[in-house]
Amino acid sequence: MNMTEQSSDEQPSLDDLISLSEAAKISGISHSHLRLLARSGHIWAKWLGRGWFTTEQAVNEYLSQEHKPGPKPKKDE
């Protein structure tokens, strides 16, 4: 499931939302990388007004997953 396509009953409350700048301070991930993760659906995020917002829970869930750096293997055609 794409994290940006959660159903409306799974949406966090406005009080839970944090800016990507705040998420960067919490996680140690750069603001620009968080923006990429938000746009690509790797973390739950919502575009509101002039910026992306996420939750601390969404960032922690992303951090708890295993991530392998480097280029992804090509699929056999």
C-alpha atoms as a PDB file:
ATOM      1  CA  MET A   1       0.000   0.000   0.000  1.00  0.00           C
ATOM      2  CA  ASN A   2       1.266   3.411  -0.899  1.00  0.00           C
ATOM      3  CA  MET A   3       1.607   5.351   2.367  1.00  0.00           C
ATOM      4  CA  THR A   4       0.162   8.523   0.839  1.00  0.00           C
ATOM      5  CA  GLU A   5      -3.051   6.683  -0.075  1.00  0.00           C
ATOM      6  CA  GLN A   6      -4.287   5.807   3.405  1.00  0.00           C
ATOM      7  CA  SER A   7      -8.040   5.848   3.846  1.00  0.00           C
ATOM      8  CA  SER A   8      -9.546   8.858   5.573  1.00  0.00           C
ATOM      9  CA  ASP A   9     -10.279   6.878   8.772  1.00  0.00           C
ATOM     10  CA  GLU A  10      -6.513   6.336   9.146  1.00  0.00           C
ATOM     11  CA  GLN A  11      -5.654  10.018   8.790  1.00  0.00           C
ATOM     12  CA  PRO A  12      -3.984  11.519  11.850  1.00  0.00           C
ATOM     13  CA  SER A  13      -5.468  14.505  13.597  1.00  0.00           C
ATOM     14  CA  LEU A  14      -4.133  17.971  12.848  1.00  0.00           C
ATOM     15  CA  ASP A  15      -2.542  18.005  16.306  1.00  0.00           C
ATOM     16  CA  ASP A  16      -0.323  15.052  15.295  1.00  0.00           C
ATOM     17  CA  LEU A  17       1.080  16.720  12.172  1.00  0.00           C
ATOM     18  CA  ILE A  18       4.654  17.978  12.101  1.00  0.00           C
ATOM     19  CA  SER A  19       6.527  19.769   9.341  1.00  0.00           C
ATOM     20  CA  LEU A  20       9.266  17.969   7.459  1.00  0.00           C
ATOM     21  CA  SER A  21      11.755  20.348   9.117  1.00  0.00           C
ATOM     22  CA  GLU A  22      10.636  19.059  12.522  1.00  0.00           C
ATOM     23  CA  ALA A  23      10.732  15.483  11.216  1.00  0.00           C
ATOM     24  CA  ALA A  24      14.306  16.061  10.005  1.00  0.00           C
ATOM     25  CA  LYS A  25      15.386  17.139  13.504  1.00  0.00           C
ATOM     26  CA  ILE A  26      13.729  14.088  15.076  1.00  0.00           C
ATOM     27  CA  SER A  27      14.981  11.528  12.563  1.00  0.00           C
ATOM     28  CA  GLY A  28      18.376  12.766  11.436  1.00  0.00           C
ATOM     29  CA  ILE A  29      17.185  12.459   7.817  1.00  0.00           C
ATOM     30  CA  SER A  30      17.638  15.585   5.706  1.00  0.00           C
ATOM     31  CA  HIS A  31      14.621  17.732   4.880  1.00  0.00           C
ATOM     32  CA  SER A  32      15.171  17.184   1.142  1.00  0.00           C
ATOM     33  CA  HIS A  33      15.280  13.383   1.538  1.00  0.00           C
ATOM     34  CA  LEU A  34      12.100  13.455   3.628  1.00  0.00           C
ATOM     35  CA  ARG A  35      10.465  15.504   0.873  1.00  0.00           C
ATOM     36  CA  LEU A  36      11.475  12.829  -1.642  1.00  0.00           C
ATOM     37  CA  LEU A  37      10.098  10.092   0.629  1.00  0.00           C
ATOM     38  CA  ALA A  38       6.832  12.013   0.999  1.00  0.00           C
ATOM     39  CA  ARG A  39       6.428  12.582  -2.755  1.00  0.00           C
ATOM     40  CA  SER A  40       7.228   8.944  -3.558  1.00  0.00           C
ATOM     41  CA  GLY A  41       4.915   7.562  -0.871  1.00  0.00           C
ATOM     42  CA  HIS A  42       7.588   5.908   1.269  1.00  0.00           C
ATOM     43  CA  ILE A  43       6.372   7.770   4.345  1.00  0.00           C
ATOM     44  CA  TRP A  44       2.872   8.970   5.098  1.00  0.00           C
ATOM     45  CA  ALA A  45       2.697  12.676   4.373  1.00  0.00           C
ATOM     46  CA  LYS A  46       0.127  15.236   3.321  1.00  0.00           C
ATOM     47  CA  TRP A  47       0.581  18.405   1.276  1.00  0.00           C
ATOM     48  CA  LEU A  48      -1.121  21.252   3.136  1.00  0.00           C
ATOM     49  CA  GLY A  49      -0.929  24.833   1.968  1.00  0.00           C
ATOM     50  CA  ARG A  50       2.684  25.366   0.944  1.00  0.00           C
ATOM     51  CA  GLY A  51       4.434  22.337   2.411  1.00  0.00           C
ATOM     52  CA  TRP A  52       4.495  18.672   3.356  1.00  0.00           C
ATOM     53  CA  PHE A  53       3.457  17.483   6.794  1.00  0.00           C
ATOM     54  CA  THR A  54       3.862  14.068   8.370  1.00  0.00           C
ATOM     55  CA  THR A  55       3.655  12.528  11.832  1.00  0.00           C
ATOM     56  CA  GLU A  56       6.316  11.413  14.257  1.00  0.00           C
ATOM     57  CA  GLN A  57       4.732   7.946  14.092  1.00  0.00           C
ATOM     58  CA  ALA A  58       5.113   7.810  10.289  1.00  0.00           C
ATOM     59  CA  VAL A  59       8.785   8.817  10.564  1.00  0.00           C
ATOM     60  CA  ASN A  60       9.422   6.221  13.276  1.00  0.00           C
ATOM     61  CA  GLU A  61       7.729   3.528  11.177  1.00  0.00           C
ATOM     62  CA  TYR A  62       9.960   4.425   8.233  1.00  0.00           C
ATOM     63  CA  LEU A  63      13.070   4.356  10.441  1.00  0.00           C
ATOM     64  CA  SER A  64      12.136   0.913  11.810  1.00  0.00           C
ATOM     65  CA  GLN A  65      12.188  -0.604   8.312  1.00  0.00           C
ATOM     66  CA  GLU A  66      15.365  -2.056   6.866  1.00  0.00           C
ATOM     67  CA  HIS A  67      16.821   0.115   4.104  1.00  0.00           C
ATOM     68  CA  LYS A  68      19.614  -0.960   1.819  1.00  0.00           C
ATOM     69  CA  PRO A  69      21.668   1.914   0.399  1.00  0.00           C
ATOM     70  CA  GLY A  70      22.879   1.993  -3.157  1.00  0.00           C
ATOM     71  CA  PRO A  71      21.377   1.210  -6.552  1.00  0.00           C
ATOM     72  CA  LYS A  72      18.470  -1.184  -6.706  1.00  0.00           C
ATOM     73  CA  PRO A  73      18.959  -4.475  -8.570  1.00  0.00           C
ATOM     74  CA  LYS A  74      17.539  -4.606 -12.084  1.00  0.00           C
ATOM     75  CA  LYS A  75      14.587  -6.912 -12.652  1.00  0.00           C
ATOM     76  CA  ASP A  76      15.095  -9.666 -15.236  1.00  0.00           C
ATOM     77  CA  GLU A  77      13.070  -8.996 -18.331  1.00  0.00           C
END
